[in-house]
Protein backbone atom coordinates (compact mmCIF):
# COMPACT_ATOMS: atom_id res chain seq x y z
CA MET A 1 -12.03 -169.14 -176.29
CA THR A 2 -13.98 -167.30 -173.59
CA THR A 3 -17.69 -166.63 -173.73
CA ARG A 4 -19.72 -164.00 -172.01
CA PRO A 5 -23.09 -164.83 -170.47
CA LEU A 6 -26.09 -163.81 -172.50
CA PRO A 7 -27.78 -160.65 -171.18
CA ARG A 8 -30.95 -161.22 -169.22
CA ASP A 9 -34.06 -159.25 -170.10
CA LYS A 10 -34.90 -156.63 -167.53
CA PRO A 11 -38.56 -156.39 -166.44
CA PHE A 12 -40.29 -153.38 -167.93
CA ALA A 13 -43.43 -151.48 -166.92
CA PRO A 14 -44.68 -148.99 -169.56
CA SER A 15 -46.48 -146.98 -166.87
CA CYS A 16 -43.13 -146.13 -165.25
CA ASP A 17 -41.96 -144.51 -168.46
CA ARG A 18 -45.19 -142.53 -168.67
CA ASN A 19 -45.30 -141.20 -165.12
CA HIS A 20 -41.70 -140.81 -163.93
CA ALA A 21 -41.20 -137.23 -165.17
CA PRO A 22 -44.22 -135.66 -163.40
CA ILE A 23 -43.47 -137.65 -160.25
CA LEU A 24 -39.88 -136.39 -160.27
CA GLU A 25 -41.16 -132.80 -160.31
CA VAL A 26 -42.89 -133.52 -156.99
CA LEU A 27 -40.05 -135.51 -155.42
CA ARG A 28 -37.29 -133.09 -156.37
CA GLU A 29 -38.87 -130.40 -154.18
CA ARG A 30 -40.21 -132.59 -151.35
CA PHE A 31 -37.00 -134.62 -151.02
CA GLU A 32 -34.65 -131.66 -151.44
CA ARG A 33 -33.47 -131.89 -147.83
CA ARG A 34 -33.87 -135.64 -147.40
CA GLN A 35 -31.04 -138.20 -147.38
CA HIS A 36 -32.29 -141.75 -146.90
CA VAL A 37 -35.28 -142.87 -148.97
CA LEU A 38 -37.06 -146.20 -148.68
CA GLU A 39 -39.10 -147.09 -151.77
CA ILE A 40 -41.87 -149.56 -150.91
CA GLY A 41 -42.88 -151.87 -153.74
CA SER A 42 -40.14 -150.97 -156.22
CA GLY A 43 -41.63 -153.23 -158.90
CA THR A 44 -39.27 -153.40 -161.86
CA GLY A 45 -36.70 -150.96 -160.45
CA GLN A 46 -37.25 -148.40 -163.23
CA HIS A 47 -38.39 -145.65 -160.89
CA ALA A 48 -35.41 -146.18 -158.61
CA VAL A 49 -32.90 -145.77 -161.43
CA TYR A 50 -34.61 -142.67 -162.79
CA PHE A 51 -35.14 -140.91 -159.46
CA ALA A 52 -31.79 -141.83 -157.90
CA GLY A 53 -30.01 -140.67 -161.05
CA ALA A 54 -31.84 -137.35 -161.01
CA MET A 55 -31.37 -136.82 -157.24
CA PRO A 56 -27.81 -137.96 -156.47
CA TRP A 57 -27.88 -136.56 -152.93
CA LEU A 58 -30.34 -139.31 -151.93
CA ARG A 59 -29.54 -142.87 -150.89
CA TRP A 60 -32.41 -144.68 -152.61
CA GLN A 61 -33.19 -148.02 -150.99
CA THR A 62 -35.41 -150.24 -153.13
CA SER A 63 -37.57 -152.95 -151.59
CA GLU A 64 -39.98 -155.59 -152.83
CA ARG A 65 -41.25 -159.09 -152.28
CA LYS A 66 -38.63 -161.74 -152.92
CA ALA A 67 -39.76 -162.73 -156.43
CA HIS A 68 -39.16 -159.20 -157.77
CA LEU A 69 -35.67 -158.64 -156.35
CA PRO A 70 -33.69 -160.19 -159.25
CA GLY A 71 -35.42 -157.93 -161.79
CA ILE A 72 -34.74 -154.82 -159.71
CA ALA A 73 -31.10 -155.88 -159.37
CA LEU A 74 -30.78 -156.02 -163.17
CA TRP A 75 -31.85 -152.38 -163.48
CA LEU A 76 -29.61 -151.25 -160.63
CA ASP A 77 -26.59 -153.20 -161.85
CA GLU A 78 -26.91 -151.85 -165.38
CA ALA A 79 -27.25 -148.25 -164.16
CA GLY A 80 -24.31 -148.59 -161.76
CA LEU A 81 -25.37 -145.63 -159.63
CA PRO A 82 -23.45 -145.06 -156.39
CA ASN A 83 -26.60 -144.19 -154.40
CA THR A 84 -28.68 -147.32 -155.03
CA PRO A 85 -27.72 -150.16 -152.68
CA ALA A 86 -28.89 -153.70 -153.41
CA PRO A 87 -32.66 -154.20 -153.16
CA VAL A 88 -33.99 -155.65 -149.91
CA MET A 89 -36.90 -157.96 -149.28
CA LEU A 90 -39.97 -156.32 -147.79
CA ASP A 91 -43.44 -157.67 -147.28
CA VAL A 92 -45.35 -154.92 -145.50
CA THR A 93 -46.86 -157.47 -143.09
CA GLN A 94 -43.45 -158.63 -141.81
CA PRO A 95 -42.72 -157.56 -138.21
CA THR A 96 -39.25 -156.15 -138.90
CA TRP A 97 -38.61 -153.73 -141.75
CA PRO A 98 -35.29 -152.84 -143.40
CA ALA A 99 -33.17 -150.29 -141.56
CA SER A 100 -31.56 -147.14 -142.86
CA THR A 101 -27.84 -146.46 -142.62
CA ALA A 102 -28.69 -143.28 -140.69
CA ALA A 103 -27.65 -143.10 -137.05
CA ASP A 104 -31.17 -143.84 -135.81
CA ARG A 105 -31.62 -146.58 -138.47
CA ARG A 106 -34.80 -144.88 -139.69
CA PHE A 107 -35.60 -143.31 -143.06
CA ASP A 108 -36.24 -139.58 -143.43
CA ALA A 109 -38.26 -140.19 -146.62
CA VAL A 110 -40.47 -142.95 -148.01
CA PHE A 111 -41.91 -143.20 -151.51
CA THR A 112 -44.33 -145.69 -152.97
CA ALA A 113 -46.18 -145.72 -156.30
CA ASN A 114 -49.23 -147.71 -157.38
CA THR A 115 -49.15 -150.05 -154.40
CA LEU A 116 -52.07 -149.30 -152.07
CA HIS A 117 -54.68 -150.41 -154.59
CA ILE A 118 -52.81 -153.69 -155.12
CA MET A 119 -52.66 -154.47 -151.40
CA SER A 120 -55.62 -155.70 -149.39
CA TRP A 121 -56.92 -153.18 -146.85
CA ALA A 122 -55.37 -155.27 -144.06
CA GLU A 123 -52.02 -154.95 -145.85
CA VAL A 124 -52.49 -151.17 -146.18
CA GLU A 125 -53.05 -151.02 -142.43
CA ALA A 126 -49.95 -153.17 -141.88
CA CYS A 127 -47.97 -150.87 -144.16
CA PHE A 128 -48.73 -147.84 -142.00
CA ALA A 129 -47.99 -149.82 -138.85
CA GLY A 130 -44.56 -150.58 -140.31
CA LEU A 131 -44.07 -146.97 -141.34
CA ALA A 132 -44.64 -145.95 -137.73
CA GLN A 133 -41.30 -147.55 -136.87
CA ALA A 134 -39.43 -147.02 -140.15
CA LEU A 135 -40.00 -143.26 -140.45
CA ALA A 136 -37.70 -140.83 -138.67
CA ASP A 137 -38.98 -137.77 -136.87
CA ASP A 138 -39.69 -135.01 -139.40
CA ALA A 139 -39.81 -137.56 -142.23
CA THR A 140 -41.61 -137.10 -145.55
CA LEU A 141 -43.96 -139.69 -147.04
CA VAL A 142 -45.05 -139.48 -150.71
CA ILE A 143 -47.65 -141.87 -152.14
CA TYR A 144 -48.55 -141.87 -155.84
CA GLY A 145 -51.61 -143.50 -157.35
CA PRO A 146 -55.38 -143.25 -157.82
CA PHE A 147 -57.64 -142.40 -154.89
CA ASN A 148 -61.35 -142.05 -154.30
CA VAL A 149 -62.59 -138.91 -152.55
CA GLY A 150 -65.60 -138.94 -150.26
CA GLY A 151 -66.20 -142.56 -151.21
CA ALA A 152 -66.65 -141.66 -154.89
CA TYR A 153 -64.56 -142.27 -157.99
CA THR A 154 -62.89 -139.20 -159.42
CA SER A 155 -63.17 -140.37 -163.04
CA ASP A 156 -64.82 -142.99 -165.20
CA SER A 157 -61.41 -144.48 -165.97
CA ASN A 158 -60.75 -144.98 -162.25
CA ARG A 159 -64.14 -146.67 -161.89
CA GLU A 160 -63.25 -149.06 -164.71
CA PHE A 161 -59.79 -149.66 -163.27
CA ASP A 162 -61.26 -150.45 -159.86
CA GLY A 163 -63.60 -152.98 -161.45
CA TRP A 164 -60.66 -154.63 -163.17
CA LEU A 165 -58.70 -154.76 -159.92
CA LYS A 166 -61.57 -156.35 -157.98
CA ALA A 167 -62.23 -158.90 -160.73
CA ARG A 168 -58.60 -159.96 -160.50
CA ASP A 169 -58.45 -159.89 -156.69
CA PRO A 170 -61.50 -158.93 -154.59
CA ARG A 171 -59.23 -157.77 -151.77
CA SER A 172 -57.67 -155.03 -153.91
CA GLY A 173 -59.18 -151.76 -155.09
CA ILE A 174 -58.75 -148.00 -155.22
CA ARG A 175 -58.57 -146.66 -151.67
CA ASP A 176 -60.53 -143.79 -150.17
CA PHE A 177 -58.28 -140.81 -149.53
CA GLU A 178 -59.93 -140.11 -146.18
CA ALA A 179 -59.28 -143.63 -144.88
CA VAL A 180 -55.62 -143.51 -145.91
CA ASP A 181 -55.18 -140.05 -144.40
CA ALA A 182 -56.63 -141.35 -141.13
CA LEU A 183 -53.99 -144.09 -141.04
CA ALA A 184 -51.29 -141.49 -141.73
CA SER A 185 -52.60 -139.21 -139.00
CA GLY A 186 -52.54 -142.12 -136.59
CA ILE A 187 -48.75 -142.38 -136.88
CA GLY A 188 -48.06 -138.67 -136.57
CA LEU A 189 -48.21 -137.64 -140.24
CA ARG A 190 -49.92 -134.49 -141.41
CA LEU A 191 -50.99 -133.96 -145.02
CA GLN A 192 -49.02 -131.19 -146.72
CA ASP A 193 -49.97 -131.53 -150.40
CA ASP A 194 -52.51 -133.30 -152.59
CA ILE A 195 -51.21 -132.86 -156.12
CA ALA A 196 -53.18 -133.75 -159.26
CA MET A 197 -51.16 -135.94 -161.64
CA PRO A 198 -51.74 -137.26 -165.17
CA SER A 199 -54.23 -140.09 -165.81
CA ASN A 200 -56.38 -139.20 -162.78
CA ASN A 201 -53.66 -140.08 -160.27
CA ARG A 202 -52.47 -138.03 -157.32
CA CYS A 203 -49.32 -137.47 -155.30
CA LEU A 204 -50.10 -137.23 -151.60
CA VAL A 205 -47.38 -135.73 -149.41
CA TRP A 206 -47.29 -136.07 -145.62
CA LEU A 207 -44.79 -134.73 -143.09
CA ARG A 208 -44.12 -136.21 -139.68
CA SER A 209 -43.31 -133.83 -136.88
CA SER A 210 -41.24 -134.79 -133.89
CA ALA A 211 -43.94 -133.35 -131.63
CA ALA A 212 -46.61 -135.56 -133.18
CA ARG A 213 -44.43 -138.64 -132.80
CA ALA A 214 -43.69 -137.80 -129.18
CA ALA A 215 -47.42 -137.51 -128.48
CA LEU A 216 -47.97 -140.99 -129.91
CA ASP A 217 -45.19 -142.44 -127.76
CA ARG A 218 -46.73 -141.11 -124.53
């Protein structure tokens, strides 16, 4: 008699179920002409399955710290999508980031959700330093999450959330939009859209021009 292994429980984040539809509305337009997406901080893998399934023209590369990779693999394996390769390990502070299968080994799109407020500020800076090398010319970067504006909270719920984050880890916290935009500008990205999302979150969209990158390389 043969036995089959018991199914393993996939990790599950309720917030992914709540926010994936409005995020897809943004990504479907901004990634319409993109091909190779790197998702930073893929978490459970739920977003990857939903977005890659809805946008089959994209090769959606998930990435996370090592401990999260098995959970992401469970979601990807169950979905069986042809455009979601195996997840890769990425700590934003590591010197070498994953490479795309594109000819120049860079990604023409990057997406990350609810990560900057989990990172320390030094890790946010390291993330943009890594993006400087990982992003192709004319690439699109989309970041989803809560942001402060002008150093102020945009809602009482964000103020409470920031307090919870700092109580858990003093290095974390909701980031100021202006500080993040300055990091983006420093690697040749220019803000294209700042889109209000449910639950006092935002989708920030930057584009990188080849001219801006060339100026940085001089």
